C-alpha atoms as a PDB file:
ATOM      1  CA  MET A   1      26.466  26.925 113.936  1.00  0.00           C
ATOM      2  CA  ARG A   2      29.732  25.798 112.271  1.00  0.00           C
ATOM      3  CA  LYS A   3      31.227  29.222 112.348  1.00  0.00           C
ATOM      4  CA  VAL A   4      30.660  29.480 116.256  1.00  0.00           C
ATOM      5  CA  LEU A   5      31.676  25.821 116.979  1.00  0.00           C
ATOM      6  CA  ALA A   6      34.902  26.566 114.594  1.00  0.00           C
ATOM      7  CA  SER A   7      35.707  29.791 116.634  1.00  0.00           C
ATOM      8  CA  LEU A   8      35.004  28.287 119.895  1.00  0.00           C
ATOM      9  CA  VAL A   9      37.537  25.562 118.851  1.00  0.00           C
ATOM     10  CA  ALA A  10      40.146  28.143 117.858  1.00  0.00           C
ATOM     11  CA  LEU A  11      39.617  30.130 120.960  1.00  0.00           C
ATOM     12  CA  PHE A  12      40.713  27.112 123.235  1.00  0.00           C
ATOM     13  CA  ALA A  13      43.303  26.103 120.663  1.00  0.00           C
ATOM     14  CA  LEU A  14      44.880  29.631 121.346  1.00  0.00           C
ATOM     15  CA  ALA A  15      44.340  29.617 125.330  1.00  0.00           C
ATOM     16  CA  PHE A  16      46.145  26.542 125.520  1.00  0.00           C
ATOM     17  CA  ALA A  17      49.105  27.275 123.240  1.00  0.00           C
ATOM     18  CA  ALA A  18      49.260  30.409 125.294  1.00  0.00           C
ATOM     19  CA  CYS A  19      49.384  28.548 128.455  1.00  0.00           C
ATOM     20  CA  GLY A  20      52.645  26.667 127.474  1.00  0.00           C
ATOM     21  CA  SER A  21      53.326  22.896 127.937  1.00  0.00           C
ATOM     22  CA  LEU A  22      50.558  20.852 129.538  1.00  0.00           C
ATOM     23  CA  SER A  23      53.041  18.269 130.868  1.00  0.00           C
ATOM     24  CA  PRO A  24      52.831  17.967 134.803  1.00  0.00           C
ATOM     25  CA  TYR A  25      55.791  19.688 136.494  1.00  0.00           C
ATOM     26  CA  ALA A  26      57.222  19.651 140.066  1.00  0.00           C
ATOM     27  CA  ALA A  27      58.445  23.182 139.953  1.00  0.00           C
ATOM     28  CA  ILE A  28      59.262  25.900 138.061  1.00  0.00           C
ATOM     29  CA  VAL A  29      62.818  27.758 138.573  1.00  0.00           C
ATOM     30  CA  SER A  30      63.327  31.187 136.828  1.00  0.00           C
ATOM     31  CA  GLY A  31      61.082  29.726 133.881  1.00  0.00           C
ATOM     32  CA  HIS A  32      63.010  26.411 133.977  1.00  0.00           C
ATOM     33  CA  ARG A  33      60.340  23.461 134.665  1.00  0.00           C
ATOM     34  CA  ILE A  34      61.553  20.504 136.772  1.00  0.00           C
ATOM     35  CA  SER A  35      58.989  18.031 135.532  1.00  0.00           C
ATOM     36  CA  GLU A  36      57.118  15.106 137.803  1.00  0.00           C
ATOM     37  CA  ARG A  37      58.668  12.423 135.676  1.00  0.00           C
ATOM     38  CA  SER A  38      62.331  13.519 136.604  1.00  0.00           C
ATOM     39  CA  ILE A  39      61.629  13.702 140.083  1.00  0.00           C
ATOM     40  CA  ASN A  40      59.714  10.041 139.789  1.00  0.00           C
ATOM     41  CA  ASP A  41      62.635   8.833 137.902  1.00  0.00           C
ATOM     42  CA  GLU A  42      65.074   9.801 140.384  1.00  0.00           C
ATOM     43  CA  LEU A  43      63.095   8.159 143.434  1.00  0.00           C
ATOM     44  CA  ALA A  44      62.698   4.662 141.206  1.00  0.00           C
ATOM     45  CA  ALA A  45      66.413   4.889 140.803  1.00  0.00           C
ATOM     46  CA  ILE A  46      66.829   5.550 144.688  1.00  0.00           C
ATOM     47  CA  LYS A  47      64.462   2.459 145.322  1.00  0.00           C
ATOM     48  CA  ALA A  48      66.299   0.188 143.091  1.00  0.00           C
ATOM     49  CA  ASN A  49      69.694   1.180 144.091  1.00  0.00           C
ATOM     50  CA  ALA A  50      70.159  -0.962 147.448  1.00  0.00           C
ATOM     51  CA  LYS A  51      73.586   0.504 148.351  1.00  0.00           C
ATOM     52  CA  TYR A  52      72.500   3.975 148.028  1.00  0.00           C
ATOM     53  CA  LEU A  53      69.524   3.268 149.868  1.00  0.00           C
ATOM     54  CA  ASP A  54      71.381   1.939 152.502  1.00  0.00           C
ATOM     55  CA  ALA A  55      73.735   4.967 153.025  1.00  0.00           C
ATOM     56  CA  VAL A  56      70.716   7.699 153.001  1.00  0.00           C
ATOM     57  CA  ASP A  57      68.719   5.403 155.155  1.00  0.00           C
ATOM     58  CA  PRO A  58      70.546   2.640 157.067  1.00  0.00           C
ATOM     59  CA  VAL A  59      67.927  -0.250 157.716  1.00  0.00           C
ATOM     60  CA  ASP A  60      69.901  -0.959 161.006  1.00  0.00           C
ATOM     61  CA  GLN A  61      68.567   2.212 162.605  1.00  0.00           C
ATOM     62  CA  ASP A  62      64.980   0.849 162.306  1.00  0.00           C
ATOM     63  CA  PRO A  63      65.113  -2.656 161.425  1.00  0.00           C
ATOM     64  CA  GLY A  64      62.374  -3.520 158.857  1.00  0.00           C
ATOM     65  CA  HIS A  65      61.326  -0.082 158.110  1.00  0.00           C
ATOM     66  CA  ARG A  66      63.012   2.581 155.763  1.00  0.00           C
ATOM     67  CA  GLN A  67      62.277   6.209 156.432  1.00  0.00           C
ATOM     68  CA  VAL A  68      62.609   6.739 152.588  1.00  0.00           C
ATOM     69  CA  LEU A  69      59.934   4.639 151.673  1.00  0.00           C
ATOM     70  CA  GLY A  70      56.326   5.647 152.535  1.00  0.00           C
ATOM     71  CA  ALA A  71      53.579   3.444 154.465  1.00  0.00           C
ATOM     72  CA  GLY A  72      51.956   2.373 151.110  1.00  0.00           C
ATOM     73  CA  ASN A  73      53.150   0.251 148.679  1.00  0.00           C
ATOM     74  CA  GLY A  74      55.044   2.066 146.257  1.00  0.00           C
ATOM     75  CA  THR A  75      54.781   5.209 147.935  1.00  0.00           C
ATOM     76  CA  TYR A  76      57.769   7.488 149.518  1.00  0.00           C
ATOM     77  CA  ASN A  77      57.946   9.558 152.740  1.00  0.00           C
ATOM     78  CA  SER A  78      56.988  13.020 152.114  1.00  0.00           C
ATOM     79  CA  ALA A  79      59.760  14.398 154.013  1.00  0.00           C
ATOM     80  CA  PHE A  80      62.300  12.887 151.493  1.00  0.00           C
ATOM     81  CA  VAL A  81      60.413  13.867 148.750  1.00  0.00           C
ATOM     82  CA  ALA A  82      60.389  17.535 149.847  1.00  0.00           C
ATOM     83  CA  ARG A  83      64.374  17.044 150.362  1.00  0.00           C
ATOM     84  CA  LEU A  84      64.854  15.753 147.016  1.00  0.00           C
ATOM     85  CA  LEU A  85      62.788  18.275 145.094  1.00  0.00           C
ATOM     86  CA  THR A  86      64.699  21.074 147.413  1.00  0.00           C
ATOM     87  CA  ARG A  87      67.970  19.664 146.184  1.00  0.00           C
ATOM     88  CA  SER A  88      66.799  19.728 142.588  1.00  0.00           C
ATOM     89  CA  ILE A  89      65.539  23.238 142.690  1.00  0.00           C
ATOM     90  CA  TYR A  90      68.930  24.283 144.182  1.00  0.00           C
ATOM     91  CA  TYR A  91      70.656  22.480 141.185  1.00  0.00           C
ATOM     92  CA  GLU A  92      68.276  24.141 138.838  1.00  0.00           C
ATOM     93  CA  LEU A  93      69.183  27.697 140.602  1.00  0.00           C
ATOM     94  CA  VAL A  94      72.952  26.907 140.281  1.00  0.00           C
ATOM     95  CA  HIS A  95      72.887  26.091 136.322  1.00  0.00           C
ATOM     96  CA  ILE A  96      70.795  29.285 135.665  1.00  0.00           C
END
């Protein structure tokens, strides 16, 4: 029984090692990963930078509502996030 269990553990370890990193990613561009964390960090930096936020989403266009931010607390507009991810993919393509 121990040999069967050891064989199964070894098989799963090999399978996971073959899959590469298990960390979440937002996109893979020509084998290079753009991590979810890098996208989340950039979104947090944008939210924390009032001058940049005003430049990309002027509050005077729609007082009291920013198009960058989502409807829920701590969320972002999906179209804005899609543009951010697309830009990150373009940057990765340029650097390859």
